[in-house]
Protein backbone atom coordinates (compact mmCIF):
# COMPACT_ATOMS: atom_id res chain seq x y z
CA UNK A 1 0.00 0.00 0.00
CA UNK A 2 1.41 3.38 -0.96
CA UNK A 3 1.97 6.25 1.45
CA UNK A 4 -0.81 8.45 0.02
CA UNK A 5 -3.40 5.76 0.66
CA UNK A 6 -2.11 5.18 4.20
CA UNK A 7 -2.33 8.87 5.01
CA UNK A 8 -5.82 9.08 3.49
CA UNK A 9 -7.02 6.17 5.65
CA UNK A 10 -5.51 7.54 8.89
CA UNK A 11 -8.40 8.22 11.26
CA UNK A 12 -9.37 11.87 11.61
CA UNK A 13 -10.58 11.31 15.17
CA UNK A 14 -7.08 10.29 16.30
CA UNK A 15 -5.58 13.37 14.67
CA UNK A 16 -8.10 15.63 16.42
CA UNK A 17 -7.62 14.08 19.89
CA UNK A 18 -3.83 14.03 19.67
CA UNK A 19 -3.70 17.61 18.33
CA UNK A 20 -5.99 18.79 21.13
CA UNK A 21 -3.91 17.09 23.81
CA UNK A 22 -0.65 18.45 22.41
CA UNK A 23 -2.18 21.94 22.27
CA UNK A 24 -3.44 21.75 25.86
CA UNK A 25 -0.20 20.29 27.17
CA UNK A 26 2.29 22.60 25.49
CA UNK A 27 0.66 25.75 24.13
CA UNK A 28 -1.89 26.87 26.72
CA UNK A 29 -0.83 28.93 29.69
CA UNK A 30 -3.60 28.32 32.23
CA UNK A 31 -3.33 31.78 33.75
CA UNK A 32 -3.25 33.93 30.61
CA UNK A 33 -5.09 32.21 27.78
CA UNK A 34 -7.77 33.75 25.56
CA UNK A 35 -11.19 32.24 26.10
CA UNK A 36 -14.33 32.16 23.99
CA UNK A 37 -16.20 30.59 26.90
CA UNK A 38 -19.48 32.41 27.61
CA UNK A 39 -19.16 31.76 31.36
CA UNK A 40 -15.72 33.32 31.42
CA UNK A 41 -16.77 36.28 29.29
CA UNK A 42 -19.74 37.01 31.57
CA UNK A 43 -17.47 37.13 34.59
CA UNK A 44 -18.11 33.76 36.18
CA UNK A 45 -14.95 32.36 37.72
CA UNK A 46 -15.79 28.69 37.39
CA UNK A 47 -16.59 26.85 34.19
CA UNK A 48 -16.29 23.05 34.12
CA UNK A 49 -15.05 23.03 30.53
CA UNK A 50 -12.39 25.68 31.10
CA UNK A 51 -11.35 23.98 34.32
CA UNK A 52 -10.90 20.69 32.49
CA UNK A 53 -8.69 22.32 29.86
CA UNK A 54 -6.64 24.13 32.51
CA UNK A 55 -6.33 20.91 34.49
CA UNK A 56 -4.91 19.03 31.51
CA UNK A 57 -2.60 21.96 30.74
CA UNK A 58 -1.29 21.98 34.33
CA UNK A 59 -0.30 18.33 33.89
CA UNK A 60 2.38 19.42 31.40
CA UNK A 61 4.04 21.42 34.18
CA UNK A 62 3.75 18.37 36.47
CA UNK A 63 1.53 20.35 38.84
CA UNK A 64 -0.64 17.40 39.81
CA UNK A 65 -2.23 18.87 42.94
CA UNK A 66 -3.05 22.15 41.22
CA UNK A 67 -4.46 20.16 38.31
CA UNK A 68 -6.71 18.19 40.67
CA UNK A 69 -7.84 21.39 42.40
CA UNK A 70 -8.66 23.02 39.06
CA UNK A 71 -10.81 20.07 37.97
CA UNK A 72 -10.82 16.70 39.75
CA UNK A 73 -11.47 14.78 36.54
CA UNK A 74 -8.66 16.39 34.50
CA UNK A 75 -6.18 13.56 34.95
CA UNK A 76 -8.85 10.95 34.21
CA UNK A 77 -9.95 12.86 31.09
CA UNK A 78 -6.34 13.04 29.90
CA UNK A 79 -5.86 9.29 30.41
CA UNK A 80 -9.13 8.49 28.61
CA UNK A 81 -8.28 10.72 25.64
CA UNK A 82 -4.81 9.23 25.42
CA UNK A 83 -6.23 5.70 25.62
CA UNK A 84 -8.80 6.47 22.91
CA UNK A 85 -6.13 7.94 20.62
CA UNK A 86 -3.83 4.96 21.07
CA UNK A 87 -6.64 2.45 20.53
CA UNK A 88 -7.69 4.19 17.30
CA UNK A 89 -4.11 4.10 16.03
CA UNK A 90 -3.75 0.40 16.91
CA UNK A 91 -7.00 -0.42 15.11
CA UNK A 92 -5.70 1.55 12.11
CA UNK A 93 -2.42 -0.39 12.13
CA UNK A 94 -4.25 -3.74 12.22
CA UNK A 95 -6.49 -2.66 9.37
CA UNK A 96 -3.52 -1.49 7.27
CA UNK A 97 -1.56 -4.71 7.81
CA UNK A 98 -4.59 -6.78 6.76
CA UNK A 99 -5.01 -4.90 3.47
PDB file of N, CA and C in Angstrom:
ATOM      1  N   UNK A   1       0.852  -1.169   0.000  1.00  0.00           N
ATOM      2  CA  UNK A   1       0.000   0.000   0.000  1.00  0.00           C
ATOM      3  C   UNK A   1       0.903   1.239   0.000  1.00  0.00           C
ATOM      4  N   UNK A   2       0.564   2.191  -0.867  1.00  0.00           N
ATOM      5  CA  UNK A   2       1.408   3.376  -0.959  1.00  0.00           C
ATOM      6  C   UNK A   2       1.124   4.363   0.172  1.00  0.00           C
ATOM      7  N   UNK A   3       2.033   5.297   0.333  1.00  0.00           N
ATOM      8  CA  UNK A   3       1.970   6.246   1.447  1.00  0.00           C
ATOM      9  C   UNK A   3       0.739   7.152   1.372  1.00  0.00           C
ATOM     10  N   UNK A   4       0.365   7.582   0.163  1.00  0.00           N
ATOM     11  CA  UNK A   4      -0.806   8.451   0.020  1.00  0.00           C
ATOM     12  C   UNK A   4      -2.066   7.763   0.536  1.00  0.00           C
ATOM     13  N   UNK A   5      -2.207   6.511   0.214  1.00  0.00           N
ATOM     14  CA  UNK A   5      -3.398   5.760   0.655  1.00  0.00           C
ATOM     15  C   UNK A   5      -3.386   5.586   2.173  1.00  0.00           C
ATOM     16  N   UNK A   6      -2.208   5.329   2.752  1.00  0.00           N
ATOM     17  CA  UNK A   6      -2.109   5.175   4.204  1.00  0.00           C
ATOM     18  C   UNK A   6      -2.496   6.467   4.916  1.00  0.00           C
ATOM     19  N   UNK A   7      -2.013   7.577   4.402  1.00  0.00           N
ATOM     20  CA  UNK A   7      -2.331   8.871   5.009  1.00  0.00           C
ATOM     21  C   UNK A   7      -3.824   9.166   4.870  1.00  0.00           C
ATOM     22  N   UNK A   8      -4.392   8.834   3.721  1.00  0.00           N
ATOM     23  CA  UNK A   8      -5.816   9.077   3.495  1.00  0.00           C
ATOM     24  C   UNK A   8      -6.681   8.248   4.443  1.00  0.00           C
ATOM     25  N   UNK A   9      -6.242   7.046   4.779  1.00  0.00           N
ATOM     26  CA  UNK A   9      -7.016   6.170   5.652  1.00  0.00           C
ATOM     27  C   UNK A   9      -6.792   6.445   7.138  1.00  0.00           C
ATOM     28  N   UNK A  10      -5.790   7.277   7.476  1.00  0.00           N
ATOM     29  CA  UNK A  10      -5.509   7.538   8.888  1.00  0.00           C
ATOM     30  C   UNK A  10      -6.715   8.220   9.521  1.00  0.00           C
ATOM     31  N   UNK A  11      -7.156   7.731  10.663  1.00  0.00           N
ATOM     32  CA  UNK A  11      -8.401   8.224  11.260  1.00  0.00           C
ATOM     33  C   UNK A  11      -8.326   9.681  11.720  1.00  0.00           C
ATOM     34  N   UNK A  12      -9.288  10.454  11.266  1.00  0.00           N
ATOM     35  CA  UNK A  12      -9.365  11.874  11.607  1.00  0.00           C
ATOM     36  C   UNK A  12      -9.571  12.070  13.106  1.00  0.00           C
ATOM     37  N   UNK A  13     -10.327  11.181  13.736  1.00  0.00           N
ATOM     38  CA  UNK A  13     -10.579  11.309  15.174  1.00  0.00           C
ATOM     39  C   UNK A  13      -9.278  11.268  15.972  1.00  0.00           C
ATOM     40  N   UNK A  14      -8.372  10.376  15.596  1.00  0.00           N
ATOM     41  CA  UNK A  14      -7.085  10.289  16.298  1.00  0.00           C
ATOM     42  C   UNK A  14      -6.284  11.575  16.120  1.00  0.00           C
ATOM     43  N   UNK A  15      -6.305  12.124  14.927  1.00  0.00           N
ATOM     44  CA  UNK A  15      -5.580  13.373  14.666  1.00  0.00           C
ATOM     45  C   UNK A  15      -6.148  14.501  15.534  1.00  0.00           C
ATOM     46  N   UNK A  16      -7.467  14.574  15.634  1.00  0.00           N
ATOM     47  CA  UNK A  16      -8.102  15.633  16.422  1.00  0.00           C
ATOM     48  C   UNK A  16      -7.764  15.489  17.899  1.00  0.00           C
ATOM     49  N   UNK A  17      -7.902  14.276  18.458  1.00  0.00           N
ATOM     50  CA  UNK A  17      -7.616  14.077  19.886  1.00  0.00           C
ATOM     51  C   UNK A  17      -6.157  14.353  20.208  1.00  0.00           C
ATOM     52  N   UNK A  18      -5.256  13.835  19.403  1.00  0.00           N
ATOM     53  CA  UNK A  18      -3.825  14.031  19.666  1.00  0.00           C
ATOM     54  C   UNK A  18      -3.458  15.505  19.529  1.00  0.00           C
ATOM     55  N   UNK A  19      -3.982  16.172  18.504  1.00  0.00           N
ATOM     56  CA  UNK A  19      -3.705  17.607  18.334  1.00  0.00           C
ATOM     57  C   UNK A  19      -4.225  18.414  19.516  1.00  0.00           C
ATOM     58  N   UNK A  20      -5.419  18.095  19.973  1.00  0.00           N
ATOM     59  CA  UNK A  20      -5.985  18.792  21.129  1.00  0.00           C
ATOM     60  C   UNK A  20      -5.166  18.590  22.388  1.00  0.00           C
ATOM     61  N   UNK A  21      -4.726  17.359  22.620  1.00  0.00           N
ATOM     62  CA  UNK A  21      -3.910  17.090  23.807  1.00  0.00           C
ATOM     63  C   UNK A  21      -2.567  17.801  23.735  1.00  0.00           C
ATOM     64  N   UNK A  22      -1.936  17.761  22.563  1.00  0.00           N
ATOM     65  CA  UNK A  22      -0.648  18.454  22.406  1.00  0.00           C
ATOM     66  C   UNK A  22      -0.833  19.949  22.628  1.00  0.00           C
ATOM     67  N   UNK A  23      -1.907  20.509  22.081  1.00  0.00           N
ATOM     68  CA  UNK A  23      -2.177  21.935  22.270  1.00  0.00           C
ATOM     69  C   UNK A  23      -2.372  22.265  23.750  1.00  0.00           C
ATOM     70  N   UNK A  24      -3.192  21.482  24.442  1.00  0.00           N
ATOM     71  CA  UNK A  24      -3.441  21.750  25.862  1.00  0.00           C
ATOM     72  C   UNK A  24      -2.191  21.559  26.708  1.00  0.00           C
ATOM     73  N   UNK A  25      -1.376  20.582  26.355  1.00  0.00           N
ATOM     74  CA  UNK A  25      -0.200  20.295  27.170  1.00  0.00           C
ATOM     75  C   UNK A  25       0.927  21.304  26.976  1.00  0.00           C
ATOM     76  N   UNK A  26       1.090  21.805  25.756  1.00  0.00           N
ATOM     77  CA  UNK A  26       2.286  22.598  25.488  1.00  0.00           C
ATOM     78  C   UNK A  26       2.044  24.051  25.096  1.00  0.00           C
ATOM     79  N   UNK A  27       0.852  24.403  24.652  1.00  0.00           N
ATOM     80  CA  UNK A  27       0.659  25.749  24.127  1.00  0.00           C
ATOM     81  C   UNK A  27      -0.305  26.616  24.924  1.00  0.00           C
ATOM     82  N   UNK A  28      -0.929  26.083  25.938  1.00  0.00           N
ATOM     83  CA  UNK A  28      -1.890  26.867  26.721  1.00  0.00           C
ATOM     84  C   UNK A  28      -1.278  27.207  28.067  1.00  0.00           C
ATOM     85  N   UNK A  29      -1.238  28.492  28.368  1.00  0.00           N
ATOM     86  CA  UNK A  29      -0.828  28.933  29.692  1.00  0.00           C
ATOM     87  C   UNK A  29      -2.111  29.108  30.499  1.00  0.00           C
ATOM     88  N   UNK A  30      -2.321  28.296  31.523  1.00  0.00           N
ATOM     89  CA  UNK A  30      -3.599  28.321  32.233  1.00  0.00           C
ATOM     90  C   UNK A  30      -3.973  29.675  32.827  1.00  0.00           C
ATOM     91  N   UNK A  31      -3.002  30.509  33.102  1.00  0.00           N
ATOM     92  CA  UNK A  31      -3.332  31.779  33.752  1.00  0.00           C
ATOM     93  C   UNK A  31      -3.608  32.906  32.761  1.00  0.00           C
ATOM     94  N   UNK A  32      -3.115  32.806  31.540  1.00  0.00           N
ATOM     95  CA  UNK A  32      -3.248  33.932  30.609  1.00  0.00           C
ATOM     96  C   UNK A  32      -3.721  33.507  29.223  1.00  0.00           C
ATOM     97  N   UNK A  33      -4.648  32.608  29.114  1.00  0.00           N
ATOM     98  CA  UNK A  33      -5.090  32.213  27.780  1.00  0.00           C
ATOM     99  C   UNK A  33      -6.375  32.937  27.398  1.00  0.00           C
ATOM    100  N   UNK A  34      -6.553  33.134  26.097  1.00  0.00           N
ATOM    101  CA  UNK A  34      -7.767  33.747  25.564  1.00  0.00           C
ATOM    102  C   UNK A  34      -8.891  32.719  25.622  1.00  0.00           C
ATOM    103  N   UNK A  35     -10.072  33.160  25.966  1.00  0.00           N
ATOM    104  CA  UNK A  35     -11.189  32.236  26.098  1.00  0.00           C
ATOM    105  C   UNK A  35     -12.402  32.740  25.332  1.00  0.00           C
ATOM    106  N   UNK A  36     -13.065  31.832  24.640  1.00  0.00           N
ATOM    107  CA  UNK A  36     -14.332  32.159  23.991  1.00  0.00           C
ATOM    108  C   UNK A  36     -15.501  31.613  24.811  1.00  0.00           C
ATOM    109  N   UNK A  37     -15.196  31.176  26.011  1.00  0.00           N
ATOM    110  CA  UNK A  37     -16.201  30.591  26.899  1.00  0.00           C
ATOM    111  C   UNK A  37     -17.197  31.660  27.345  1.00  0.00           C
ATOM    112  N   UNK A  38     -18.499  31.419  27.176  1.00  0.00           N
ATOM    113  CA  UNK A  38     -19.478  32.412  27.607  1.00  0.00           C
ATOM    114  C   UNK A  38     -19.467  32.638  29.119  1.00  0.00           C
ATOM    115  N   UNK A  39     -19.233  31.586  29.904  1.00  0.00           N
ATOM    116  CA  UNK A  39     -19.165  31.756  31.360  1.00  0.00           C
ATOM    117  C   UNK A  39     -18.038  32.709  31.734  1.00  0.00           C
ATOM    118  N   UNK A  40     -16.880  32.485  31.133  1.00  0.00           N
ATOM    119  CA  UNK A  40     -15.716  33.323  31.422  1.00  0.00           C
ATOM    120  C   UNK A  40     -15.950  34.765  30.977  1.00  0.00           C
ATOM    121  N   UNK A  41     -16.541  34.937  29.812  1.00  0.00           N
ATOM    122  CA  UNK A  41     -16.772  36.282  29.286  1.00  0.00           C
ATOM    123  C   UNK A  41     -17.838  37.052  30.059  1.00  0.00           C
ATOM    124  N   UNK A  42     -18.740  36.352  30.745  1.00  0.00           N
ATOM    125  CA  UNK A  42     -19.742  37.012  31.572  1.00  0.00           C
ATOM    126  C   UNK A  42     -19.277  37.212  33.004  1.00  0.00           C
ATOM    127  N   UNK A  43     -18.035  36.845  33.291  1.00  0.00           N
ATOM    128  CA  UNK A  43     -17.467  37.133  34.595  1.00  0.00           C
ATOM    129  C   UNK A  43     -17.532  36.019  35.619  1.00  0.00           C
ATOM    130  N   UNK A  44     -18.091  34.878  35.247  1.00  0.00           N
ATOM    131  CA  UNK A  44     -18.108  33.759  36.182  1.00  0.00           C
ATOM    132  C   UNK A  44     -16.702  33.195  36.314  1.00  0.00           C
ATOM    133  N   UNK A  45     -16.310  32.857  37.510  1.00  0.00           N
ATOM    134  CA  UNK A  45     -14.951  32.362  37.717  1.00  0.00           C
ATOM    135  C   UNK A  45     -14.815  30.877  37.446  1.00  0.00           C
ATOM    136  N   UNK A  46     -15.904  30.133  37.560  1.00  0.00           N
ATOM    137  CA  UNK A  46     -15.794  28.693  37.392  1.00  0.00           C
ATOM    138  C   UNK A  46     -16.599  28.230  36.183  1.00  0.00           C
ATOM    139  N   UNK A  47     -15.948  27.508  35.320  1.00  0.00           N
ATOM    140  CA  UNK A  47     -16.591  26.850  34.191  1.00  0.00           C
ATOM    141  C   UNK A  47     -16.008  25.443  34.122  1.00  0.00           C
ATOM    142  N   UNK A  48     -16.828  24.409  34.130  1.00  0.00           N
ATOM    143  CA  UNK A  48     -16.294  23.048  34.120  1.00  0.00           C
ATOM    144  C   UNK A  48     -15.433  22.753  32.894  1.00  0.00           C
ATOM    145  N   UNK A  49     -15.828  23.272  31.746  1.00  0.00           N
ATOM    146  CA  UNK A  49     -15.052  23.026  30.530  1.00  0.00           C
ATOM    147  C   UNK A  49     -13.691  23.701  30.570  1.00  0.00           C
ATOM    148  N   UNK A  50     -13.666  24.961  30.985  1.00  0.00           N
ATOM    149  CA  UNK A  50     -12.391  25.683  31.096  1.00  0.00           C
ATOM    150  C   UNK A  50     -11.509  25.040  32.159  1.00  0.00           C
ATOM    151  N   UNK A  51     -12.113  24.627  33.249  1.00  0.00           N
ATOM    152  CA  UNK A  51     -11.353  23.978  34.315  1.00  0.00           C
ATOM    153  C   UNK A  51     -10.727  22.681  33.853  1.00  0.00           C
ATOM    154  N   UNK A  52     -11.436  21.945  33.014  1.00  0.00           N
ATOM    155  CA  UNK A  52     -10.900  20.691  32.493  1.00  0.00           C
ATOM    156  C   UNK A  52      -9.701  20.955  31.591  1.00  0.00           C
ATOM    157  N   UNK A  53      -9.812  21.956  30.733  1.00  0.00           N
ATOM    158  CA  UNK A  53      -8.688  22.318  29.864  1.00  0.00           C
ATOM    159  C   UNK A  53      -7.490  22.804  30.661  1.00  0.00           C
ATOM    160  N   UNK A  54      -7.733  23.650  31.657  1.00  0.00           N
ATOM    161  CA  UNK A  54      -6.643  24.129  32.513  1.00  0.00           C
ATOM    162  C   UNK A  54      -6.009  22.978  33.278  1.00  0.00           C
ATOM    163  N   UNK A  55      -6.834  22.059  33.737  1.00  0.00           N
ATOM    164  CA  UNK A  55      -6.333  20.915  34.492  1.00  0.00           C
ATOM    165  C   UNK A  55      -5.386  20.071  33.640  1.00  0.00           C
ATOM    166  N   UNK A  56      -5.767  19.807  32.404  1.00  0.00           N
ATOM    167  CA  UNK A  56      -4.909  19.032  31.507  1.00  0.00           C
ATOM    168  C   UNK A  56      -3.644  19.816  31.194  1.00  0.00           C
ATOM    169  N   UNK A  57      -3.769  21.124  31.010  1.00  0.00           N
ATOM    170  CA  UNK A  57      -2.598  21.956  30.743  1.00  0.00           C
ATOM    171  C   UNK A  57      -1.630  21.971  31.923  1.00  0.00           C
ATOM    172  N   UNK A  58      -2.153  21.988  33.138  1.00  0.00           N
ATOM    173  CA  UNK A  58      -1.289  21.981  34.327  1.00  0.00           C
ATOM    174  C   UNK A  58      -0.514  20.667  34.462  1.00  0.00           C
ATOM    175  N   UNK A  59      -1.023  19.607  33.857  1.00  0.00           N
ATOM    176  CA  UNK A  59      -0.300  18.330  33.887  1.00  0.00           C
ATOM    177  C   UNK A  59       1.043  18.432  33.169  1.00  0.00           C
ATOM    178  N   UNK A  60       1.118  19.280  32.128  1.00  0.00           N
ATOM    179  CA  UNK A  60       2.380  19.416  31.397  1.00  0.00           C
ATOM    180  C   UNK A  60       3.470  20.041  32.255  1.00  0.00           C
ATOM    181  N   UNK A  61       3.077  20.832  33.253  1.00  0.00           N
ATOM    182  CA  UNK A  61       4.044  21.417  34.184  1.00  0.00           C
ATOM    183  C   UNK A  61       4.258  20.537  35.406  1.00  0.00           C
ATOM    184  N   UNK A  62       3.663  19.345  35.374  1.00  0.00           N
ATOM    185  CA  UNK A  62       3.746  18.373  36.474  1.00  0.00           C
ATOM    186  C   UNK A  62       3.199  18.945  37.780  1.00  0.00           C
ATOM    187  N   UNK A  63       2.190  19.777  37.668  1.00  0.00           N
ATOM    188  CA  UNK A  63       1.528  20.352  38.841  1.00  0.00           C
ATOM    189  C   UNK A  63       0.265  19.537  39.113  1.00  0.00           C
ATOM    190  N   UNK A  64       0.463  18.332  39.647  1.00  0.00           N
ATOM    191  CA  UNK A  64      -0.640  17.395  39.806  1.00  0.00           C
ATOM    192  C   UNK A  64      -1.694  17.895  40.789  1.00  0.00           C
ATOM    193  N   UNK A  65      -1.266  18.419  41.934  1.00  0.00           N
ATOM    194  CA  UNK A  65      -2.233  18.873  42.937  1.00  0.00           C
ATOM    195  C   UNK A  65      -3.021  20.072  42.446  1.00  0.00           C
ATOM    196  N   UNK A  66      -2.347  20.987  41.775  1.00  0.00           N
ATOM    197  CA  UNK A  66      -3.048  22.147  41.222  1.00  0.00           C
ATOM    198  C   UNK A  66      -4.014  21.710  40.117  1.00  0.00           C
ATOM    199  N   UNK A  67      -3.594  20.712  39.343  1.00  0.00           N
ATOM    200  CA  UNK A  67      -4.459  20.156  38.309  1.00  0.00           C
ATOM    201  C   UNK A  67      -5.718  19.548  38.912  1.00  0.00           C
ATOM    202  N   UNK A  68      -5.559  18.812  39.999  1.00  0.00           N
ATOM    203  CA  UNK A  68      -6.709  18.194  40.668  1.00  0.00           C
ATOM    204  C   UNK A  68      -7.619  19.261  41.268  1.00  0.00           C
ATOM    205  N   UNK A  69      -7.026  20.317  41.830  1.00  0.00           N
ATOM    206  CA  UNK A  69      -7.838  21.391  42.402  1.00  0.00           C
ATOM    207  C   UNK A  69      -8.601  22.163  41.326  1.00  0.00           C
ATOM    208  N   UNK A  70      -7.990  22.305  40.151  1.00  0.00           N
ATOM    209  CA  UNK A  70      -8.661  23.018  39.063  1.00  0.00           C
ATOM    210  C   UNK A  70      -9.877  22.238  38.571  1.00  0.00           C
ATOM    211  N   UNK A  71      -9.693  20.947  38.351  1.00  0.00           N
ATOM    212  CA  UNK A  71     -10.810  20.072  37.972  1.00  0.00           C
ATOM    213  C   UNK A  71     -10.436  18.650  38.351  1.00  0.00           C
ATOM    214  N   UNK A  72     -11.176  18.028  39.251  1.00  0.00           N
ATOM    215  CA  UNK A  72     -10.818  16.702  39.755  1.00  0.00           C
ATOM    216  C   UNK A  72     -10.762  15.616  38.679  1.00  0.00           C
ATOM    217  N   UNK A  73     -11.455  15.811  37.579  1.00  0.00           N
ATOM    218  CA  UNK A  73     -11.471  14.783  36.539  1.00  0.00           C
ATOM    219  C   UNK A  73     -10.472  15.043  35.413  1.00  0.00           C
ATOM    220  N   UNK A  74      -9.613  16.043  35.560  1.00  0.00           N
ATOM    221  CA  UNK A  74      -8.662  16.387  34.504  1.00  0.00           C
ATOM    222  C   UNK A  74      -7.700  15.266  34.172  1.00  0.00           C
ATOM    223  N   UNK A  75      -7.135  14.639  35.182  1.00  0.00           N
ATOM    224  CA  UNK A  75      -6.179  13.556  34.950  1.00  0.00           C
ATOM    225  C   UNK A  75      -6.889  12.365  34.311  1.00  0.00           C
ATOM    226  N   UNK A  76      -8.088  12.071  34.784  1.00  0.00           N
ATOM    227  CA  UNK A  76      -8.851  10.955  34.211  1.00  0.00           C
ATOM    228  C   UNK A  76      -9.211  11.249  32.755  1.00  0.00           C
ATOM    229  N   UNK A  77      -9.617  12.478  32.464  1.00  0.00           N
ATOM    230  CA  UNK A  77      -9.946  12.856  31.091  1.00  0.00           C
ATOM    231  C   UNK A  77      -8.725  12.727  30.191  1.00  0.00           C
ATOM    232  N   UNK A  78      -7.563  13.156  30.685  1.00  0.00           N
ATOM    233  CA  UNK A  78      -6.335  13.037  29.903  1.00  0.00           C
ATOM    234  C   UNK A  78      -6.030  11.573  29.599  1.00  0.00           C
ATOM    235  N   UNK A  79      -6.142  10.718  30.601  1.00  0.00           N
ATOM    236  CA  UNK A  79      -5.862   9.291  30.411  1.00  0.00           C
ATOM    237  C   UNK A  79      -6.850   8.678  29.416  1.00  0.00           C
ATOM    238  N   UNK A  80      -8.125   9.025  29.533  1.00  0.00           N
ATOM    239  CA  UNK A  80      -9.127   8.485  28.609  1.00  0.00           C
ATOM    240  C   UNK A  80      -8.890   8.949  27.171  1.00  0.00           C
ATOM    241  N   UNK A  81      -8.557  10.224  26.992  1.00  0.00           N
ATOM    242  CA  UNK A  81      -8.283  10.721  25.641  1.00  0.00           C
ATOM    243  C   UNK A  81      -7.034  10.078  25.057  1.00  0.00           C
ATOM    244  N   UNK A  82      -6.026   9.897  25.882  1.00  0.00           N
ATOM    245  CA  UNK A  82      -4.809   9.235  25.423  1.00  0.00           C
ATOM    246  C   UNK A  82      -5.097   7.779  25.058  1.00  0.00           C
ATOM    247  N   UNK A  83      -5.864   7.092  25.897  1.00  0.00           N
ATOM    248  CA  UNK A  83      -6.232   5.699  25.623  1.00  0.00           C
ATOM    249  C   UNK A  83      -7.021   5.597  24.322  1.00  0.00           C
ATOM    250  N   UNK A  84      -7.984   6.492  24.130  1.00  0.00           N
ATOM    251  CA  UNK A  84      -8.796   6.466  22.909  1.00  0.00           C
ATOM    252  C   UNK A  84      -7.931   6.706  21.677  1.00  0.00           C
ATOM    253  N   UNK A  85      -7.010   7.651  21.755  1.00  0.00           N
ATOM    254  CA  UNK A  85      -6.131   7.940  20.623  1.00  0.00           C
ATOM    255  C   UNK A  85      -5.264   6.738  20.286  1.00  0.00           C
ATOM    256  N   UNK A  86      -4.690   6.117  21.303  1.00  0.00           N
ATOM    257  CA  UNK A  86      -3.826   4.957  21.073  1.00  0.00           C
ATOM    258  C   UNK A  86      -4.633   3.789  20.515  1.00  0.00           C
ATOM    259  N   UNK A  87      -5.834   3.566  21.038  1.00  0.00           N
ATOM    260  CA  UNK A  87      -6.638   2.446  20.532  1.00  0.00           C
ATOM    261  C   UNK A  87      -7.048   2.671  19.078  1.00  0.00           C
ATOM    262  N   UNK A  88      -7.354   3.901  18.702  1.00  0.00           N
ATOM    263  CA  UNK A  88      -7.694   4.193  17.305  1.00  0.00           C
ATOM    264  C   UNK A  88      -6.501   3.908  16.406  1.00  0.00           C
ATOM    265  N   UNK A  89      -5.311   4.323  16.841  1.00  0.00           N
ATOM    266  CA  UNK A  89      -4.111   4.096  16.035  1.00  0.00           C
ATOM    267  C   UNK A  89      -3.815   2.607  15.914  1.00  0.00           C
ATOM    268  N   UNK A  90      -3.987   1.848  16.982  1.00  0.00           N
ATOM    269  CA  UNK A  90      -3.753   0.400  16.915  1.00  0.00           C
ATOM    270  C   UNK A  90      -4.754  -0.288  15.987  1.00  0.00           C
ATOM    271  N   UNK A  91      -6.000   0.131  16.031  1.00  0.00           N
ATOM    272  CA  UNK A  91      -7.000  -0.419  15.106  1.00  0.00           C
ATOM    273  C   UNK A  91      -6.613  -0.088  13.670  1.00  0.00           C
ATOM    274  N   UNK A  92      -6.149   1.127  13.439  1.00  0.00           N
ATOM    275  CA  UNK A  92      -5.701   1.548  12.109  1.00  0.00           C
ATOM    276  C   UNK A  92      -4.537   0.683  11.631  1.00  0.00           C
ATOM    277  N   UNK A  93      -3.575   0.431  12.517  1.00  0.00           N
ATOM    278  CA  UNK A  93      -2.417  -0.391  12.134  1.00  0.00           C
ATOM    279  C   UNK A  93      -2.842  -1.804  11.767  1.00  0.00           C
ATOM    280  N   UNK A  94      -3.760  -2.387  12.543  1.00  0.00           N
ATOM    281  CA  UNK A  94      -4.245  -3.736  12.224  1.00  0.00           C
ATOM    282  C   UNK A  94      -4.964  -3.756  10.882  1.00  0.00           C
ATOM    283  N   UNK A  95      -5.746  -2.721  10.630  1.00  0.00           N
ATOM    284  CA  UNK A  95      -6.486  -2.659   9.370  1.00  0.00           C
ATOM    285  C   UNK A  95      -5.532  -2.512   8.186  1.00  0.00           C
ATOM    286  N   UNK A  96      -4.487  -1.704   8.347  1.00  0.00           N
ATOM    287  CA  UNK A  96      -3.524  -1.490   7.268  1.00  0.00           C
ATOM    288  C   UNK A  96      -2.738  -2.770   6.983  1.00  0.00           C
ATOM    289  N   UNK A  97      -2.343  -3.490   8.034  1.00  0.00           N
ATOM    290  CA  UNK A  97      -1.561  -4.713   7.811  1.00  0.00           C
ATOM    291  C   UNK A  97      -2.401  -5.816   7.185  1.00  0.00           C
ATOM    292  N   UNK A  98      -3.720  -5.766   7.358  1.00  0.00           N
ATOM    293  CA  UNK A  98      -4.589  -6.779   6.759  1.00  0.00           C
ATOM    294  C   UNK A  98      -4.948  -6.478   5.313  1.00  0.00           C
ATOM    295  N   UNK A  99      -4.679  -5.260   4.863  1.00  0.00           N
ATOM    296  CA  UNK A  99      -5.015  -4.897   3.468  1.00  0.00           C
ATOM    297  C   UNK A  99      -3.943  -5.400   2.544  1.00  0.00           C
TER     298      UNK A  99
END
